[in-house]
Amino acid sequence: MPVSQPTVPWRPPVPAGVSMRDLLASCAAAAVISRPPAEPEPKRLEPVEPHRDAA
């Protein structure tokens, strides 16, 4: 008895996972989240002069 051939042509298996766009987006998001918050700017010690109004 002969072995029947598959009717669908063989294709290489597709790797399961995420697209490159999603992978890069998740890496960028992880980098932003993992950074500590920025330090607040130091207060000025000298007084700030008010701006003069234009004539």
PDB file of N, CA and C in Angstrom:
ATOM      1  N   MET A   1       0.836  -1.167   0.000  1.00  0.00           N
ATOM      2  CA  MET A   1       0.000   0.000   0.000  1.00  0.00           C
ATOM      3  C   MET A   1       0.890   1.242   0.000  1.00  0.00           C
ATOM      4  N   PRO A   2       0.740   2.144  -0.985  1.00  0.00           N
ATOM      5  CA  PRO A   2       1.593   3.329  -1.075  1.00  0.00           C
ATOM      6  C   PRO A   2       1.192   4.379  -0.028  1.00  0.00           C
ATOM      7  N   VAL A   3       2.177   5.158   0.376  1.00  0.00           N
ATOM      8  CA  VAL A   3       1.952   6.227   1.360  1.00  0.00           C
ATOM      9  C   VAL A   3       1.420   7.440   0.610  1.00  0.00           C
ATOM     10  N   SER A   4       0.331   7.991   1.094  1.00  0.00           N
ATOM     11  CA  SER A   4      -0.246   9.148   0.415  1.00  0.00           C
ATOM     12  C   SER A   4       0.591  10.403   0.685  1.00  0.00           C
ATOM     13  N   GLN A   5       0.691  11.232  -0.314  1.00  0.00           N
ATOM     14  CA  GLN A   5       1.443  12.479  -0.208  1.00  0.00           C
ATOM     15  C   GLN A   5       0.535  13.568   0.362  1.00  0.00           C
ATOM     16  N   PRO A   6       1.089  14.472   1.138  1.00  0.00           N
ATOM     17  CA  PRO A   6       0.250  15.567   1.646  1.00  0.00           C
ATOM     18  C   PRO A   6      -0.216  16.450   0.497  1.00  0.00           C
ATOM     19  N   THR A   7      -1.415  16.956   0.604  1.00  0.00           N
ATOM     20  CA  THR A   7      -1.966  17.791  -0.465  1.00  0.00           C
ATOM     21  C   THR A   7      -1.529  19.243  -0.335  1.00  0.00           C
ATOM     22  N   VAL A   8      -1.115  19.680   0.848  1.00  0.00           N
ATOM     23  CA  VAL A   8      -0.656  21.055   1.053  1.00  0.00           C
ATOM     24  C   VAL A   8       0.863  21.067   0.949  1.00  0.00           C
ATOM     25  N   PRO A   9       1.422  21.980   0.146  1.00  0.00           N
ATOM     26  CA  PRO A   9       2.893  22.023   0.045  1.00  0.00           C
ATOM     27  C   PRO A   9       3.514  22.398   1.388  1.00  0.00           C
ATOM     28  N   TRP A  10       4.700  21.867   1.625  1.00  0.00           N
ATOM     29  CA  TRP A  10       5.378  22.109   2.895  1.00  0.00           C
ATOM     30  C   TRP A  10       5.914  23.524   2.927  1.00  0.00           C
ATOM     31  N   ARG A  11       5.684  24.197   4.046  1.00  0.00           N
ATOM     32  CA  ARG A  11       6.254  25.527   4.270  1.00  0.00           C
ATOM     33  C   ARG A  11       7.036  25.481   5.563  1.00  0.00           C
ATOM     34  N   PRO A  12       8.117  26.243   5.654  1.00  0.00           N
ATOM     35  CA  PRO A  12       8.877  26.238   6.909  1.00  0.00           C
ATOM     36  C   PRO A  12       8.005  26.777   8.031  1.00  0.00           C
ATOM     37  N   PRO A  13       8.200  26.299   9.230  1.00  0.00           N
ATOM     38  CA  PRO A  13       7.371  26.764  10.346  1.00  0.00           C
ATOM     39  C   PRO A  13       7.636  28.236  10.659  1.00  0.00           C
ATOM     40  N   VAL A  14       6.592  28.934  11.015  1.00  0.00           N
ATOM     41  CA  VAL A  14       6.707  30.347  11.375  1.00  0.00           C
ATOM     42  C   VAL A  14       7.030  30.415  12.863  1.00  0.00           C
ATOM     43  N   PRO A  15       8.083  31.131  13.224  1.00  0.00           N
ATOM     44  CA  PRO A  15       8.411  31.215  14.646  1.00  0.00           C
ATOM     45  C   PRO A  15       7.328  31.997  15.393  1.00  0.00           C
ATOM     46  N   ALA A  16       6.939  31.478  16.513  1.00  0.00           N
ATOM     47  CA  ALA A  16       5.947  32.169  17.340  1.00  0.00           C
ATOM     48  C   ALA A  16       6.631  33.315  18.069  1.00  0.00           C
ATOM     49  N   GLY A  17       5.947  34.396  18.218  1.00  0.00           N
ATOM     50  CA  GLY A  17       6.534  35.525  18.936  1.00  0.00           C
ATOM     51  C   GLY A  17       5.910  36.825  18.526  1.00  0.00           C
ATOM     52  N   VAL A  18       6.679  37.880  18.666  1.00  0.00           N
ATOM     53  CA  VAL A  18       6.200  39.223  18.385  1.00  0.00           C
ATOM     54  C   VAL A  18       6.922  39.804  17.184  1.00  0.00           C
ATOM     55  N   SER A  19       6.306  40.808  16.579  1.00  0.00           N
ATOM     56  CA  SER A  19       6.942  41.465  15.448  1.00  0.00           C
ATOM     57  C   SER A  19       8.119  42.307  15.945  1.00  0.00           C
ATOM     58  N   MET A  20       8.993  42.649  15.039  1.00  0.00           N
ATOM     59  CA  MET A  20      10.156  43.458  15.398  1.00  0.00           C
ATOM     60  C   MET A  20       9.712  44.825  15.902  1.00  0.00           C
ATOM     61  N   ARG A  21       8.658  45.391  15.300  1.00  0.00           N
ATOM     62  CA  ARG A  21       8.156  46.694  15.743  1.00  0.00           C
ATOM     63  C   ARG A  21       7.685  46.627  17.188  1.00  0.00           C
ATOM     64  N   ASP A  22       6.939  45.578  17.537  1.00  0.00           N
ATOM     65  CA  ASP A  22       6.460  45.434  18.908  1.00  0.00           C
ATOM     66  C   ASP A  22       7.613  45.186  19.878  1.00  0.00           C
ATOM     67  N   LEU A  23       8.599  44.425  19.435  1.00  0.00           N
ATOM     68  CA  LEU A  23       9.754  44.156  20.284  1.00  0.00           C
ATOM     69  C   LEU A  23      10.529  45.433  20.585  1.00  0.00           C
ATOM     70  N   LEU A  24      10.762  46.248  19.554  1.00  0.00           N
ATOM     71  CA  LEU A  24      11.490  47.500  19.764  1.00  0.00           C
ATOM     72  C   LEU A  24      10.690  48.474  20.624  1.00  0.00           C
ATOM     73  N   ALA A  25       9.375  48.501  20.428  1.00  0.00           N
ATOM     74  CA  ALA A  25       8.538  49.386  21.239  1.00  0.00           C
ATOM     75  C   ALA A  25       8.559  48.960  22.703  1.00  0.00           C
ATOM     76  N   SER A  26       8.530  47.671  22.950  1.00  0.00           N
ATOM     77  CA  SER A  26       8.545  47.217  24.344  1.00  0.00           C
ATOM     78  C   SER A  26       9.896  47.497  24.993  1.00  0.00           C
ATOM     79  N   CYS A  27      10.973  47.399  24.237  1.00  0.00           N
ATOM     80  CA  CYS A  27      12.299  47.707  24.784  1.00  0.00           C
ATOM     81  C   CYS A  27      12.413  49.199  25.103  1.00  0.00           C
ATOM     82  N   ALA A  28      11.868  50.049  24.229  1.00  0.00           N
ATOM     83  CA  ALA A  28      11.909  51.486  24.487  1.00  0.00           C
ATOM     84  C   ALA A  28      11.074  51.837  25.713  1.00  0.00           C
ATOM     85  N   ALA A  29       9.917  51.196  25.853  1.00  0.00           N
ATOM     86  CA  ALA A  29       9.072  51.463  27.018  1.00  0.00           C
ATOM     87  C   ALA A  29       9.746  50.988  28.295  1.00  0.00           C
ATOM     88  N   ALA A  30      10.408  49.853  28.241  1.00  0.00           N
ATOM     89  CA  ALA A  30      11.102  49.341  29.420  1.00  0.00           C
ATOM     90  C   ALA A  30      12.253  50.264  29.818  1.00  0.00           C
ATOM     91  N   ALA A  31      12.935  50.828  28.833  1.00  0.00           N
ATOM     92  CA  ALA A  31      14.039  51.739  29.135  1.00  0.00           C
ATOM     93  C   ALA A  31      13.523  53.002  29.817  1.00  0.00           C
ATOM     94  N   VAL A  32      12.385  53.513  29.359  1.00  0.00           N
ATOM     95  CA  VAL A  32      11.823  54.726  29.965  1.00  0.00           C
ATOM     96  C   VAL A  32      11.368  54.448  31.387  1.00  0.00           C
ATOM     97  N   ILE A  33      10.716  53.322  31.596  1.00  0.00           N
ATOM     98  CA  ILE A  33      10.187  52.999  32.922  1.00  0.00           C
ATOM     99  C   ILE A  33      11.308  52.708  33.917  1.00  0.00           C
ATOM    100  N   SER A  34      12.402  52.113  33.455  1.00  0.00           N
ATOM    101  CA  SER A  34      13.456  51.705  34.372  1.00  0.00           C
ATOM    102  C   SER A  34      14.363  52.860  34.797  1.00  0.00           C
ATOM    103  N   ARG A  35      14.288  54.008  34.104  1.00  0.00           N
ATOM    104  CA  ARG A  35      15.091  55.162  34.499  1.00  0.00           C
ATOM    105  C   ARG A  35      14.485  55.834  35.720  1.00  0.00           C
ATOM    106  N   PRO A  36      15.330  56.272  36.655  1.00  0.00           N
ATOM    107  CA  PRO A  36      14.786  57.003  37.804  1.00  0.00           C
ATOM    108  C   PRO A  36      14.262  58.363  37.344  1.00  0.00           C
ATOM    109  N   PRO A  37      13.347  58.955  38.091  1.00  0.00           N
ATOM    110  CA  PRO A  37      12.827  60.268  37.694  1.00  0.00           C
ATOM    111  C   PRO A  37      13.929  61.320  37.719  1.00  0.00           C
ATOM    112  N   ALA A  38      13.759  62.334  36.894  1.00  0.00           N
ATOM    113  CA  ALA A  38      14.765  63.399  36.815  1.00  0.00           C
ATOM    114  C   ALA A  38      14.783  64.197  38.106  1.00  0.00           C
ATOM    115  N   GLU A  39      15.962  64.674  38.467  1.00  0.00           N
ATOM    116  CA  GLU A  39      16.112  65.504  39.657  1.00  0.00           C
ATOM    117  C   GLU A  39      15.438  66.854  39.400  1.00  0.00           C
ATOM    118  N   PRO A  40      14.784  67.415  40.409  1.00  0.00           N
ATOM    119  CA  PRO A  40      14.200  68.749  40.205  1.00  0.00           C
ATOM    120  C   PRO A  40      15.312  69.780  40.055  1.00  0.00           C
ATOM    121  N   GLU A  41      14.997  70.819  39.290  1.00  0.00           N
ATOM    122  CA  GLU A  41      16.001  71.865  39.093  1.00  0.00           C
ATOM    123  C   GLU A  41      16.204  72.628  40.399  1.00  0.00           C
ATOM    124  N   PRO A  42      17.462  73.009  40.699  1.00  0.00           N
ATOM    125  CA  PRO A  42      17.703  73.753  41.946  1.00  0.00           C
ATOM    126  C   PRO A  42      17.076  75.139  41.860  1.00  0.00           C
ATOM    127  N   LYS A  43      16.659  75.648  43.014  1.00  0.00           N
ATOM    128  CA  LYS A  43      16.055  76.984  43.077  1.00  0.00           C
ATOM    129  C   LYS A  43      17.149  78.028  42.869  1.00  0.00           C
ATOM    130  N   ARG A  44      16.760  79.144  42.248  1.00  0.00           N
ATOM    131  CA  ARG A  44      17.718  80.227  42.043  1.00  0.00           C
ATOM    132  C   ARG A  44      17.968  80.942  43.365  1.00  0.00           C
ATOM    133  N   LEU A  45      19.218  81.265  43.623  1.00  0.00           N
ATOM    134  CA  LEU A  45      19.565  81.976  44.841  1.00  0.00           C
ATOM    135  C   LEU A  45      19.442  83.485  44.665  1.00  0.00           C
ATOM    136  N   GLU A  46      19.751  84.011  43.464  1.00  0.00           N
ATOM    137  CA  GLU A  46      19.657  85.444  43.247  1.00  0.00           C
ATOM    138  C   GLU A  46      18.235  85.783  42.780  1.00  0.00           C
ATOM    139  N   PRO A  47      17.743  86.954  43.145  1.00  0.00           N
ATOM    140  CA  PRO A  47      16.384  87.332  42.744  1.00  0.00           C
ATOM    141  C   PRO A  47      16.300  87.554  41.226  1.00  0.00           C
ATOM    142  N   VAL A  48      15.164  87.260  40.695  1.00  0.00           N
ATOM    143  CA  VAL A  48      14.943  87.438  39.257  1.00  0.00           C
ATOM    144  C   VAL A  48      14.300  88.795  39.037  1.00  0.00           C
ATOM    145  N   GLU A  49      14.883  89.601  38.129  1.00  0.00           N
ATOM    146  CA  GLU A  49      14.334  90.929  37.843  1.00  0.00           C
ATOM    147  C   GLU A  49      13.142  90.785  36.918  1.00  0.00           C
ATOM    148  N   PRO A  50      12.076  91.538  37.163  1.00  0.00           N
ATOM    149  CA  PRO A  50      10.917  91.456  36.258  1.00  0.00           C
ATOM    150  C   PRO A  50      11.270  92.027  34.900  1.00  0.00           C
ATOM    151  N   HIS A  51      10.632  91.502  33.881  1.00  0.00           N
ATOM    152  CA  HIS A  51      10.855  92.002  32.516  1.00  0.00           C
ATOM    153  C   HIS A  51      10.143  93.337  32.340  1.00  0.00           C
ATOM    154  N   ARG A  52      10.772  94.188  31.551  1.00  0.00           N
ATOM    155  CA  ARG A  52      10.117  95.475  31.255  1.00  0.00           C
ATOM    156  C   ARG A  52       9.154  95.258  30.099  1.00  0.00           C
ATOM    157  N   ASP A  53       8.044  95.985  30.115  1.00  0.00           N
ATOM    158  CA  ASP A  53       7.089  95.890  29.022  1.00  0.00           C
ATOM    159  C   ASP A  53       7.636  96.622  27.815  1.00  0.00           C
ATOM    160  N   ALA A  54       7.282  96.117  26.644  1.00  0.00           N
ATOM    161  CA  ALA A  54       7.707  96.775  25.408  1.00  0.00           C
ATOM    162  C   ALA A  54       6.940  98.087  25.249  1.00  0.00           C
ATOM    163  N   ALA A  55       7.605  99.058  24.633  1.00  0.00           N
ATOM    164  CA  ALA A  55       6.969 100.375  24.459  1.00  0.00           C
ATOM    165  C   ALA A  55       5.943 100.342  23.354  1.00  0.00           C
TER     166      ALA A  55
END
